[in-house]
Amino acid sequence: MARYTGPKCRLCRREGVSICSSKRCAVDRREYAPGQHGAKRSKLSNYGIQLREKQKVKRLYGILERQFRKYYEKATSAKGVTGTILLQFLERRLDNVIYRLGFATTRPQARQIVSHGKVCVNDKRVNIPSYLVKQNDEILLKLKKDTTKKFIKTNIEANQQKRNASGIPAWLGMDEEHFKGKILRLPEREDIQFPINEQLIVELYSK
């Protein structure tokens, strides 16, 4: 599957906000867009604002246009607020859940853990990063090598320090000693702390 392989912080600078989970993101030092004319940010039209919001969310979750569009179409056919349901689908992705549980320090790293067959959902191995978890699903990392276990433990500790608490999202439960997680409930809008205006995305696709 196609994916972006260029400099991650370049995307952060383009969107004007850190989406790479790095402690030393380039956007903190250069708040302007990349490129020769990046420092000369022109005033965006309404369409431009909507487009930038969509691009920001796509890049945050590491997905491309075709798949993102499918999530939107699925959200429009579901009951409830379209923008909220769209974000709920994105949060329920298995790679995002692995990241949210703290087993990975970035979403690309979480995607790699899933793709390499290290994750089981309800005792069944799942290697599809876009797999959507459901309430009461149980997540387990199958780690055979001690070096891999040490790597995951290091990630857990790093994420705990970054969050200044044991704090994983309230919709998830975790047993870090046994590398387990559980979906306690479906994510709600309040569980997503990253600055996102999903209504702009709905308006963009509604045109």
N, C-alpha and C. Protein backbone atom coordinates (compact mmCIF):
# COMPACT_ATOMS: atom_id res chain seq x y z
N MET A 1 0.84 -1.19 0.00
CA MET A 1 0.00 0.00 0.00
C MET A 1 0.88 1.24 0.00
N ALA A 2 0.49 2.27 -0.77
CA ALA A 2 1.28 3.50 -0.86
C ALA A 2 1.25 4.23 0.47
N ARG A 3 2.36 4.88 0.79
CA ARG A 3 2.44 5.67 2.01
C ARG A 3 3.53 6.71 1.83
N TYR A 4 3.44 7.77 2.61
CA TYR A 4 4.42 8.84 2.55
C TYR A 4 5.70 8.39 3.25
N THR A 5 6.84 8.55 2.58
CA THR A 5 8.12 8.11 3.15
C THR A 5 9.12 9.26 3.29
N GLY A 6 8.66 10.47 3.03
CA GLY A 6 9.56 11.62 3.14
C GLY A 6 9.72 12.10 4.57
N PRO A 7 10.38 13.25 4.76
CA PRO A 7 10.61 13.81 6.10
C PRO A 7 9.28 14.11 6.80
N LYS A 8 9.09 13.56 7.99
CA LYS A 8 7.83 13.73 8.72
C LYS A 8 7.62 15.18 9.15
N CYS A 9 8.70 15.82 9.61
CA CYS A 9 8.56 17.19 10.11
C CYS A 9 8.25 18.18 8.99
N ARG A 10 8.50 17.79 7.77
CA ARG A 10 8.12 18.64 6.64
C ARG A 10 6.60 18.79 6.61
N LEU A 11 5.91 17.69 6.91
CA LEU A 11 4.44 17.73 6.95
C LEU A 11 3.96 18.58 8.13
N CYS A 12 4.67 18.47 9.26
CA CYS A 12 4.31 19.28 10.43
C CYS A 12 4.40 20.77 10.10
N ARG A 13 5.48 21.14 9.43
CA ARG A 13 5.67 22.55 9.08
C ARG A 13 4.61 23.00 8.07
N ARG A 14 4.23 22.10 7.18
CA ARG A 14 3.21 22.47 6.19
C ARG A 14 1.87 22.74 6.85
N GLU A 15 1.55 21.95 7.90
CA GLU A 15 0.27 22.11 8.57
C GLU A 15 0.33 23.09 9.75
N GLY A 16 1.56 23.49 10.13
CA GLY A 16 1.70 24.46 11.21
C GLY A 16 1.48 23.91 12.60
N VAL A 17 1.54 22.58 12.75
CA VAL A 17 1.35 21.95 14.05
C VAL A 17 2.10 20.61 14.06
N SER A 18 2.60 20.21 15.20
CA SER A 18 3.37 18.96 15.28
C SER A 18 2.44 17.76 15.19
N ILE A 19 2.66 16.92 14.18
CA ILE A 19 1.87 15.71 14.02
C ILE A 19 2.75 14.46 14.01
N CYS A 20 4.05 14.65 14.31
CA CYS A 20 4.99 13.53 14.20
C CYS A 20 5.33 12.89 15.55
N SER A 21 4.84 13.45 16.64
CA SER A 21 5.08 12.94 18.00
C SER A 21 6.55 13.03 18.42
N SER A 22 7.33 13.82 17.72
CA SER A 22 8.74 13.97 18.05
C SER A 22 8.93 15.03 19.13
N LYS A 23 9.90 14.80 20.03
CA LYS A 23 10.19 15.78 21.07
C LYS A 23 10.86 17.03 20.49
N ARG A 24 11.52 16.86 19.36
CA ARG A 24 12.24 17.99 18.75
C ARG A 24 11.71 18.22 17.34
N CYS A 25 10.44 18.49 17.24
CA CYS A 25 9.81 18.70 15.94
C CYS A 25 10.29 20.02 15.33
N ALA A 26 10.53 20.00 14.03
CA ALA A 26 11.06 21.18 13.34
C ALA A 26 10.09 22.36 13.38
N VAL A 27 8.80 22.08 13.55
CA VAL A 27 7.81 23.16 13.55
C VAL A 27 8.01 24.08 14.75
N ASP A 28 8.65 23.58 15.82
CA ASP A 28 8.92 24.42 16.99
C ASP A 28 10.00 25.45 16.70
N ARG A 29 10.89 25.15 15.74
CA ARG A 29 11.96 26.07 15.38
C ARG A 29 11.63 26.90 14.15
N ARG A 30 10.85 26.31 13.26
CA ARG A 30 10.48 27.00 12.01
C ARG A 30 8.97 26.91 11.84
N GLU A 31 8.27 27.92 12.25
CA GLU A 31 6.82 27.88 12.24
C GLU A 31 6.22 28.21 10.88
N TYR A 32 7.06 28.31 9.88
CA TYR A 32 6.57 28.59 8.54
C TYR A 32 6.65 27.32 7.68
N ALA A 33 5.95 27.33 6.55
CA ALA A 33 5.90 26.15 5.68
C ALA A 33 7.25 25.90 5.03
N PRO A 34 7.52 24.64 4.62
CA PRO A 34 8.80 24.33 3.96
C PRO A 34 8.83 24.90 2.55
N GLY A 35 10.02 24.95 1.98
CA GLY A 35 10.16 25.42 0.60
C GLY A 35 10.66 26.84 0.52
N GLN A 36 11.00 27.24 -0.69
CA GLN A 36 11.61 28.54 -0.94
C GLN A 36 10.71 29.70 -0.50
N HIS A 37 9.38 29.54 -0.68
CA HIS A 37 8.46 30.62 -0.37
C HIS A 37 7.62 30.31 0.87
N GLY A 38 8.11 29.36 1.68
CA GLY A 38 7.32 28.93 2.83
C GLY A 38 7.07 30.01 3.85
N ALA A 39 8.03 30.95 4.00
CA ALA A 39 7.88 32.00 5.01
C ALA A 39 6.80 33.00 4.64
N LYS A 40 6.41 33.01 3.36
CA LYS A 40 5.40 33.97 2.90
C LYS A 40 4.04 33.28 2.83
N ARG A 41 3.47 33.01 3.99
CA ARG A 41 2.16 32.36 4.03
C ARG A 41 1.09 33.35 3.57
N SER A 42 0.36 32.99 2.53
CA SER A 42 -0.72 33.86 2.06
C SER A 42 -2.00 33.51 2.81
N LYS A 43 -2.93 34.44 2.84
CA LYS A 43 -4.20 34.21 3.52
C LYS A 43 -5.01 33.17 2.76
N LEU A 44 -5.48 32.16 3.48
CA LEU A 44 -6.20 31.06 2.84
C LEU A 44 -7.66 31.40 2.62
N SER A 45 -8.22 30.88 1.54
CA SER A 45 -9.66 30.98 1.30
C SER A 45 -10.37 29.98 2.20
N ASN A 46 -11.70 30.01 2.21
CA ASN A 46 -12.46 29.04 3.00
C ASN A 46 -12.14 27.62 2.56
N TYR A 47 -12.04 27.45 1.23
CA TYR A 47 -11.69 26.12 0.71
C TYR A 47 -10.30 25.70 1.18
N GLY A 48 -9.35 26.64 1.16
CA GLY A 48 -7.99 26.34 1.59
C GLY A 48 -7.93 25.93 3.05
N ILE A 49 -8.71 26.60 3.89
CA ILE A 49 -8.76 26.27 5.32
C ILE A 49 -9.32 24.86 5.51
N GLN A 50 -10.37 24.55 4.77
CA GLN A 50 -10.98 23.21 4.87
C GLN A 50 -10.01 22.14 4.38
N LEU A 51 -9.33 22.43 3.29
CA LEU A 51 -8.38 21.47 2.73
C LEU A 51 -7.23 21.20 3.69
N ARG A 52 -6.70 22.26 4.29
CA ARG A 52 -5.58 22.10 5.22
C ARG A 52 -6.00 21.27 6.44
N GLU A 53 -7.23 21.44 6.89
CA GLU A 53 -7.72 20.67 8.04
C GLU A 53 -7.81 19.19 7.68
N LYS A 54 -8.29 18.90 6.48
CA LYS A 54 -8.37 17.51 6.04
C LYS A 54 -6.97 16.91 5.91
N GLN A 55 -6.05 17.64 5.31
CA GLN A 55 -4.69 17.14 5.14
C GLN A 55 -4.02 16.89 6.49
N LYS A 56 -4.28 17.77 7.44
CA LYS A 56 -3.70 17.62 8.78
C LYS A 56 -4.15 16.31 9.42
N VAL A 57 -5.45 16.03 9.35
CA VAL A 57 -5.99 14.81 9.98
C VAL A 57 -5.50 13.56 9.25
N LYS A 58 -5.45 13.60 7.93
CA LYS A 58 -4.93 12.47 7.15
C LYS A 58 -3.49 12.16 7.55
N ARG A 59 -2.69 13.20 7.67
CA ARG A 59 -1.28 13.01 7.98
C ARG A 59 -1.08 12.61 9.44
N LEU A 60 -1.96 13.07 10.31
CA LEU A 60 -1.88 12.68 11.72
C LEU A 60 -2.05 11.17 11.87
N TYR A 61 -3.02 10.60 11.15
CA TYR A 61 -3.31 9.17 11.27
C TYR A 61 -2.56 8.33 10.23
N GLY A 62 -1.83 8.99 9.34
CA GLY A 62 -0.98 8.27 8.38
C GLY A 62 -1.73 7.53 7.30
N ILE A 63 -2.81 8.12 6.78
CA ILE A 63 -3.57 7.46 5.71
C ILE A 63 -3.67 8.39 4.50
N LEU A 64 -3.96 7.80 3.35
CA LEU A 64 -4.04 8.56 2.11
C LEU A 64 -5.49 8.85 1.73
N GLU A 65 -5.67 9.60 0.66
CA GLU A 65 -6.97 10.16 0.31
C GLU A 65 -8.07 9.10 0.09
N ARG A 66 -7.75 8.05 -0.63
CA ARG A 66 -8.78 7.07 -0.97
C ARG A 66 -9.38 6.43 0.28
N GLN A 67 -8.52 6.03 1.19
CA GLN A 67 -9.00 5.39 2.42
C GLN A 67 -9.72 6.40 3.31
N PHE A 68 -9.20 7.63 3.37
CA PHE A 68 -9.84 8.66 4.17
C PHE A 68 -11.25 8.94 3.65
N ARG A 69 -11.39 8.97 2.33
CA ARG A 69 -12.69 9.22 1.73
C ARG A 69 -13.68 8.09 2.08
N LYS A 70 -13.18 6.88 2.12
CA LYS A 70 -14.05 5.74 2.48
C LYS A 70 -14.55 5.87 3.92
N TYR A 71 -13.66 6.32 4.82
CA TYR A 71 -14.08 6.54 6.20
C TYR A 71 -15.18 7.59 6.26
N TYR A 72 -15.03 8.67 5.46
CA TYR A 72 -16.03 9.73 5.45
C TYR A 72 -17.37 9.20 4.94
N GLU A 73 -17.34 8.46 3.83
CA GLU A 73 -18.58 7.92 3.27
C GLU A 73 -19.27 6.97 4.23
N LYS A 74 -18.46 6.20 4.96
CA LYS A 74 -19.00 5.28 5.96
C LYS A 74 -19.63 6.07 7.11
N ALA A 75 -18.99 7.19 7.46
CA ALA A 75 -19.50 8.02 8.55
C ALA A 75 -20.82 8.69 8.18
N THR A 76 -20.96 9.10 6.91
CA THR A 76 -22.19 9.77 6.49
C THR A 76 -23.38 8.82 6.50
N SER A 77 -23.13 7.53 6.31
CA SER A 77 -24.23 6.55 6.28
C SER A 77 -24.57 6.02 7.67
N ALA A 78 -23.77 6.38 8.68
CA ALA A 78 -24.03 5.92 10.05
C ALA A 78 -24.88 6.94 10.79
N LYS A 79 -25.53 6.49 11.85
CA LYS A 79 -26.35 7.38 12.67
C LYS A 79 -25.45 8.21 13.58
N GLY A 80 -25.77 9.50 13.69
CA GLY A 80 -24.99 10.36 14.56
C GLY A 80 -24.37 11.52 13.80
N VAL A 81 -23.51 12.25 14.48
CA VAL A 81 -22.82 13.41 13.89
C VAL A 81 -21.69 12.91 13.00
N THR A 82 -21.72 13.26 11.73
CA THR A 82 -20.77 12.72 10.75
C THR A 82 -19.32 12.96 11.15
N GLY A 83 -18.98 14.19 11.53
CA GLY A 83 -17.60 14.50 11.88
C GLY A 83 -17.10 13.70 13.07
N THR A 84 -17.94 13.54 14.08
CA THR A 84 -17.56 12.78 15.27
C THR A 84 -17.36 11.31 14.94
N ILE A 85 -18.25 10.77 14.12
CA ILE A 85 -18.14 9.36 13.73
C ILE A 85 -16.90 9.13 12.88
N LEU A 86 -16.57 10.09 12.02
CA LEU A 86 -15.35 10.00 11.21
C LEU A 86 -14.12 9.88 12.12
N LEU A 87 -14.02 10.75 13.12
CA LEU A 87 -12.89 10.69 14.04
C LEU A 87 -12.89 9.40 14.85
N GLN A 88 -14.09 8.91 15.16
CA GLN A 88 -14.20 7.65 15.90
C GLN A 88 -13.64 6.50 15.09
N PHE A 89 -13.94 6.46 13.79
CA PHE A 89 -13.38 5.42 12.92
C PHE A 89 -11.85 5.48 12.92
N LEU A 90 -11.31 6.69 12.83
CA LEU A 90 -9.86 6.85 12.79
C LEU A 90 -9.21 6.40 14.10
N GLU A 91 -9.86 6.72 15.22
CA GLU A 91 -9.33 6.33 16.52
C GLU A 91 -9.40 4.82 16.72
N ARG A 92 -10.36 4.16 16.10
CA ARG A 92 -10.55 2.72 16.27
C ARG A 92 -9.61 1.88 15.42
N ARG A 93 -8.83 2.51 14.56
CA ARG A 93 -7.86 1.76 13.78
C ARG A 93 -6.89 1.04 14.71
N LEU A 94 -6.53 -0.18 14.36
CA LEU A 94 -5.69 -0.98 15.24
C LEU A 94 -4.32 -0.34 15.46
N ASP A 95 -3.72 0.25 14.42
CA ASP A 95 -2.42 0.89 14.61
C ASP A 95 -2.53 2.07 15.58
N ASN A 96 -3.64 2.81 15.50
CA ASN A 96 -3.83 3.92 16.43
C ASN A 96 -4.03 3.43 17.86
N VAL A 97 -4.73 2.31 18.02
CA VAL A 97 -4.96 1.74 19.35
C VAL A 97 -3.64 1.31 19.99
N ILE A 98 -2.77 0.68 19.19
CA ILE A 98 -1.46 0.28 19.69
C ILE A 98 -0.67 1.51 20.14
N TYR A 99 -0.77 2.58 19.38
CA TYR A 99 -0.11 3.84 19.74
C TYR A 99 -0.72 4.43 21.01
N ARG A 100 -2.04 4.45 21.08
CA ARG A 100 -2.74 5.02 22.23
C ARG A 100 -2.46 4.24 23.52
N LEU A 101 -2.28 2.93 23.40
CA LEU A 101 -1.98 2.12 24.57
C LEU A 101 -0.55 2.36 25.08
N GLY A 102 0.28 2.95 24.21
CA GLY A 102 1.65 3.24 24.62
C GLY A 102 2.67 2.20 24.22
N PHE A 103 2.25 1.20 23.43
CA PHE A 103 3.18 0.17 22.98
C PHE A 103 4.12 0.70 21.90
N ALA A 104 3.77 1.83 21.29
CA ALA A 104 4.61 2.47 20.28
C ALA A 104 4.68 3.96 20.58
N THR A 105 5.76 4.60 20.19
CA THR A 105 5.92 6.03 20.46
C THR A 105 5.37 6.89 19.33
N THR A 106 5.14 6.29 18.16
CA THR A 106 4.55 7.01 17.03
C THR A 106 3.56 6.09 16.32
N ARG A 107 2.69 6.66 15.55
CA ARG A 107 1.73 5.84 14.79
C ARG A 107 2.43 5.02 13.69
N PRO A 108 3.43 5.58 12.98
CA PRO A 108 4.15 4.74 12.01
C PRO A 108 4.80 3.53 12.67
N GLN A 109 5.34 3.70 13.87
CA GLN A 109 5.93 2.58 14.59
C GLN A 109 4.85 1.56 14.96
N ALA A 110 3.69 2.05 15.37
CA ALA A 110 2.57 1.17 15.71
C ALA A 110 2.11 0.39 14.48
N ARG A 111 2.07 1.07 13.35
CA ARG A 111 1.70 0.39 12.09
C ARG A 111 2.66 -0.75 11.78
N GLN A 112 3.94 -0.52 12.01
CA GLN A 112 4.95 -1.55 11.75
C GLN A 112 4.77 -2.75 12.69
N ILE A 113 4.47 -2.48 13.96
CA ILE A 113 4.24 -3.56 14.91
C ILE A 113 3.07 -4.44 14.46
N VAL A 114 2.01 -3.80 14.00
CA VAL A 114 0.84 -4.55 13.52
C VAL A 114 1.19 -5.32 12.24
N SER A 115 1.83 -4.66 11.29
CA SER A 115 2.15 -5.28 10.00
C SER A 115 3.07 -6.49 10.15
N HIS A 116 3.90 -6.48 11.18
CA HIS A 116 4.84 -7.59 11.41
C HIS A 116 4.21 -8.75 12.16
N GLY A 117 2.90 -8.67 12.37
CA GLY A 117 2.18 -9.80 12.97
C GLY A 117 2.39 -9.97 14.45
N LYS A 118 2.67 -8.87 15.16
CA LYS A 118 2.92 -8.96 16.60
C LYS A 118 1.65 -8.80 17.44
N VAL A 119 0.52 -8.52 16.78
CA VAL A 119 -0.70 -8.18 17.51
C VAL A 119 -1.80 -9.22 17.31
N CYS A 120 -2.44 -9.57 18.42
CA CYS A 120 -3.60 -10.46 18.38
C CYS A 120 -4.81 -9.70 18.91
N VAL A 121 -5.95 -9.87 18.25
CA VAL A 121 -7.21 -9.31 18.71
C VAL A 121 -8.13 -10.48 19.01
N ASN A 122 -8.53 -10.59 20.27
CA ASN A 122 -9.37 -11.72 20.71
C ASN A 122 -8.72 -13.06 20.34
N ASP A 123 -7.40 -13.14 20.61
CA ASP A 123 -6.61 -14.36 20.38
C ASP A 123 -6.42 -14.72 18.91
N LYS A 124 -6.75 -13.83 18.00
CA LYS A 124 -6.53 -14.05 16.57
C LYS A 124 -5.53 -13.02 16.06
N ARG A 125 -4.50 -13.51 15.39
CA ARG A 125 -3.45 -12.61 14.89
C ARG A 125 -4.03 -11.71 13.79
N VAL A 126 -3.77 -10.42 13.93
CA VAL A 126 -4.25 -9.43 12.95
C VAL A 126 -3.05 -8.59 12.50
N ASN A 127 -2.80 -8.56 11.20
CA ASN A 127 -1.67 -7.77 10.68
C ASN A 127 -2.14 -6.66 9.74
N ILE A 128 -3.38 -6.21 9.94
CA ILE A 128 -3.95 -5.14 9.11
C ILE A 128 -4.06 -3.88 9.96
N PRO A 129 -3.24 -2.87 9.72
CA PRO A 129 -3.25 -1.65 10.55
C PRO A 129 -4.61 -0.95 10.58
N SER A 130 -5.39 -1.06 9.50
CA SER A 130 -6.68 -0.36 9.42
C SER A 130 -7.83 -1.13 10.06
N TYR A 131 -7.54 -2.29 10.63
CA TYR A 131 -8.57 -3.08 11.29
C TYR A 131 -9.26 -2.24 12.36
N LEU A 132 -10.61 -2.22 12.37
CA LEU A 132 -11.36 -1.42 13.33
C LEU A 132 -11.73 -2.26 14.54
N VAL A 133 -11.27 -1.84 15.70
CA VAL A 133 -11.59 -2.57 16.93
C VAL A 133 -13.01 -2.25 17.37
N LYS A 134 -13.57 -3.13 18.20
CA LYS A 134 -14.91 -2.96 18.74
C LYS A 134 -14.86 -2.97 20.26
N GLN A 135 -15.95 -2.57 20.87
CA GLN A 135 -16.02 -2.58 22.33
C GLN A 135 -15.83 -4.00 22.85
N ASN A 136 -15.05 -4.11 23.92
CA ASN A 136 -14.73 -5.38 24.60
C ASN A 136 -13.69 -6.23 23.87
N ASP A 137 -13.16 -5.74 22.74
CA ASP A 137 -12.06 -6.45 22.08
C ASP A 137 -10.84 -6.45 23.00
N GLU A 138 -10.11 -7.56 23.00
CA GLU A 138 -8.90 -7.68 23.80
C GLU A 138 -7.68 -7.70 22.87
N ILE A 139 -6.72 -6.86 23.18
CA ILE A 139 -5.51 -6.71 22.37
C ILE A 139 -4.33 -7.36 23.11
N LEU A 140 -3.55 -8.15 22.42
CA LEU A 140 -2.39 -8.80 23.04
C LEU A 140 -1.20 -8.75 22.07
N LEU A 141 -0.04 -8.34 22.59
CA LEU A 141 1.18 -8.38 21.79
C LEU A 141 1.86 -9.73 21.98
N LYS A 142 2.10 -10.42 20.88
CA LYS A 142 2.80 -11.71 20.92
C LYS A 142 4.29 -11.44 20.69
N LEU A 143 5.05 -11.41 21.75
CA LEU A 143 6.47 -11.07 21.69
C LEU A 143 7.30 -12.25 22.14
N LYS A 144 8.08 -12.82 21.23
CA LYS A 144 8.88 -14.00 21.55
C LYS A 144 10.28 -13.64 22.03
N LYS A 145 10.89 -12.61 21.45
CA LYS A 145 12.27 -12.26 21.79
C LYS A 145 12.31 -11.29 22.97
N ASP A 146 13.28 -11.50 23.86
CA ASP A 146 13.46 -10.62 25.01
C ASP A 146 13.81 -9.20 24.57
N THR A 147 14.53 -9.10 23.47
CA THR A 147 14.91 -7.76 22.97
C THR A 147 13.66 -6.98 22.54
N THR A 148 12.70 -7.69 21.94
CA THR A 148 11.46 -7.03 21.52
C THR A 148 10.64 -6.59 22.72
N LYS A 149 10.59 -7.45 23.75
CA LYS A 149 9.87 -7.09 24.97
C LYS A 149 10.50 -5.87 25.64
N LYS A 150 11.81 -5.83 25.64
CA LYS A 150 12.52 -4.70 26.23
C LYS A 150 12.22 -3.43 25.45
N PHE A 151 12.16 -3.55 24.13
CA PHE A 151 11.85 -2.41 23.27
C PHE A 151 10.46 -1.85 23.57
N ILE A 152 9.47 -2.74 23.71
CA ILE A 152 8.11 -2.30 24.00
C ILE A 152 8.02 -1.68 25.39
N LYS A 153 8.72 -2.26 26.38
CA LYS A 153 8.73 -1.70 27.73
C LYS A 153 9.32 -0.29 27.73
N THR A 154 10.37 -0.11 26.93
CA THR A 154 10.97 1.22 26.81
C THR A 154 9.98 2.22 26.23
N ASN A 155 9.20 1.78 25.25
CA ASN A 155 8.17 2.63 24.66
C ASN A 155 7.11 3.01 25.68
N ILE A 156 6.69 2.03 26.48
CA ILE A 156 5.67 2.29 27.50
C ILE A 156 6.16 3.34 28.50
N GLU A 157 7.40 3.19 28.94
CA GLU A 157 7.97 4.13 29.90
C GLU A 157 8.10 5.52 29.29
N ALA A 158 8.52 5.58 28.04
CA ALA A 158 8.68 6.87 27.36
C ALA A 158 7.33 7.57 27.22
N ASN A 159 6.29 6.81 26.89
CA ASN A 159 4.96 7.40 26.74
C ASN A 159 4.40 7.85 28.07
N GLN A 160 4.67 7.12 29.14
CA GLN A 160 4.20 7.53 30.46
C GLN A 160 4.83 8.85 30.88
N GLN A 161 6.10 9.02 30.59
CA GLN A 161 6.78 10.27 30.92
C GLN A 161 6.22 11.42 30.09
N LYS A 162 5.93 11.13 28.83
CA LYS A 162 5.41 12.17 27.93
C LYS A 162 4.02 12.62 28.36
N ARG A 163 3.22 11.68 28.89
CA ARG A 163 1.86 12.01 29.30
C ARG A 163 1.80 12.52 30.74
N ASN A 164 2.95 12.47 31.45
CA ASN A 164 3.03 12.90 32.84
C ASN A 164 2.06 12.14 33.73
N ALA A 165 1.74 10.92 33.35
CA ALA A 165 0.84 10.08 34.14
C ALA A 165 0.88 8.69 33.55
N SER A 166 0.11 7.79 34.19
CA SER A 166 -0.01 6.47 33.60
C SER A 166 -0.96 6.58 32.42
N GLY A 167 -1.57 7.77 32.30
CA GLY A 167 -2.73 8.12 31.52
C GLY A 167 -2.82 7.69 30.08
N ILE A 168 -3.53 6.62 29.83
CA ILE A 168 -3.96 6.29 28.48
C ILE A 168 -5.41 6.77 28.37
N PRO A 169 -5.95 6.88 27.17
CA PRO A 169 -7.34 7.35 27.04
C PRO A 169 -8.32 6.52 27.85
N ALA A 170 -9.39 7.18 28.31
CA ALA A 170 -10.35 6.52 29.20
C ALA A 170 -11.10 5.37 28.54
N TRP A 171 -11.10 5.33 27.21
CA TRP A 171 -11.84 4.26 26.54
C TRP A 171 -11.01 2.98 26.39
N LEU A 172 -9.76 3.03 26.87
CA LEU A 172 -8.88 1.87 26.79
C LEU A 172 -8.43 1.42 28.17
N GLY A 173 -8.25 0.11 28.32
CA GLY A 173 -7.68 -0.46 29.52
C GLY A 173 -6.38 -1.14 29.16
N MET A 174 -5.44 -1.22 30.12
CA MET A 174 -4.12 -1.76 29.78
C MET A 174 -3.52 -2.57 30.92
N ASP A 175 -2.90 -3.68 30.57
CA ASP A 175 -2.10 -4.49 31.48
C ASP A 175 -0.69 -4.51 30.91
N GLU A 176 0.13 -3.55 31.35
CA GLU A 176 1.45 -3.38 30.73
C GLU A 176 2.40 -4.53 31.03
N GLU A 177 2.19 -5.20 32.16
CA GLU A 177 3.07 -6.31 32.52
C GLU A 177 2.95 -7.47 31.54
N HIS A 178 1.73 -7.68 31.04
CA HIS A 178 1.49 -8.79 30.10
C HIS A 178 1.26 -8.31 28.67
N PHE A 179 1.53 -7.02 28.42
CA PHE A 179 1.38 -6.43 27.08
C PHE A 179 -0.02 -6.63 26.54
N LYS A 180 -1.01 -6.33 27.37
CA LYS A 180 -2.41 -6.50 26.99
C LYS A 180 -3.15 -5.17 27.03
N GLY A 181 -4.20 -5.09 26.24
CA GLY A 181 -5.07 -3.93 26.27
C GLY A 181 -6.50 -4.37 26.03
N LYS A 182 -7.44 -3.53 26.37
CA LYS A 182 -8.85 -3.85 26.15
C LYS A 182 -9.61 -2.61 25.75
N ILE A 183 -10.58 -2.78 24.86
CA ILE A 183 -11.43 -1.67 24.43
C ILE A 183 -12.61 -1.61 25.40
N LEU A 184 -12.55 -0.69 26.35
CA LEU A 184 -13.60 -0.60 27.37
C LEU A 184 -14.89 -0.04 26.80
N ARG A 185 -14.76 0.87 25.88
CA ARG A 185 -15.90 1.48 25.19
C ARG A 185 -15.41 2.11 23.92
N LEU A 186 -16.32 2.57 23.08
CA LEU A 186 -15.90 3.26 21.87
C LEU A 186 -15.45 4.68 22.23
N PRO A 187 -14.48 5.22 21.50
CA PRO A 187 -13.98 6.57 21.81
C PRO A 187 -15.06 7.63 21.59
N GLU A 188 -15.02 8.66 22.41
CA GLU A 188 -15.93 9.79 22.28
C GLU A 188 -15.13 11.02 21.82
N ARG A 189 -15.84 12.05 21.41
CA ARG A 189 -15.16 13.24 20.89
C ARG A 189 -14.22 13.83 21.93
N GLU A 190 -14.59 13.80 23.19
CA GLU A 190 -13.77 14.38 24.25
C GLU A 190 -12.46 13.63 24.45
N ASP A 191 -12.38 12.40 23.96
CA ASP A 191 -11.16 11.60 24.14
C ASP A 191 -10.05 12.01 23.18
N ILE A 192 -10.38 12.79 22.17
CA ILE A 192 -9.40 13.22 21.17
C ILE A 192 -8.93 14.62 21.52
N GLN A 193 -7.73 14.72 22.07
CA GLN A 193 -7.23 15.99 22.57
C GLN A 193 -6.54 16.83 21.49
N PHE A 194 -6.15 16.19 20.40
CA PHE A 194 -5.44 16.92 19.33
C PHE A 194 -6.39 17.95 18.72
N PRO A 195 -5.89 19.16 18.41
CA PRO A 195 -6.76 20.22 17.86
C PRO A 195 -7.25 19.89 16.45
N ILE A 196 -8.50 19.46 16.36
CA ILE A 196 -9.11 19.10 15.08
C ILE A 196 -10.48 19.76 14.99
N ASN A 197 -10.75 20.38 13.85
CA ASN A 197 -12.08 20.93 13.57
C ASN A 197 -12.70 20.06 12.48
N GLU A 198 -13.35 18.99 12.89
CA GLU A 198 -13.88 18.02 11.93
C GLU A 198 -14.99 18.59 11.06
N GLN A 199 -15.66 19.65 11.54
CA GLN A 199 -16.73 20.24 10.76
C GLN A 199 -16.21 20.81 9.44
N LEU A 200 -14.97 21.31 9.46
CA LEU A 200 -14.37 21.83 8.22
C LEU A 200 -14.21 20.72 7.18
N ILE A 201 -13.89 19.51 7.64
CA ILE A 201 -13.72 18.38 6.73
C ILE A 201 -15.06 17.97 6.15
N VAL A 202 -16.09 17.97 6.98
CA VAL A 202 -17.45 17.64 6.52
C VAL A 202 -17.90 18.66 5.47
N GLU A 203 -17.64 19.94 5.73
CA GLU A 203 -18.02 20.98 4.77
C GLU A 203 -17.28 20.81 3.46
N LEU A 204 -16.00 20.42 3.52
CA LEU A 204 -15.21 20.23 2.30
C LEU A 204 -15.78 19.12 1.44
N TYR A 205 -16.09 17.98 2.05
CA TYR A 205 -16.60 16.83 1.30
C TYR A 205 -18.06 17.02 0.88
N SER A 206 -18.77 17.94 1.53
CA SER A 206 -20.18 18.14 1.22
C SER A 206 -20.40 18.99 -0.03
N LYS A 207 -19.32 19.59 -0.52
CA LYS A 207 -19.45 20.49 -1.69
C LYS A 207 -19.76 19.70 -2.96
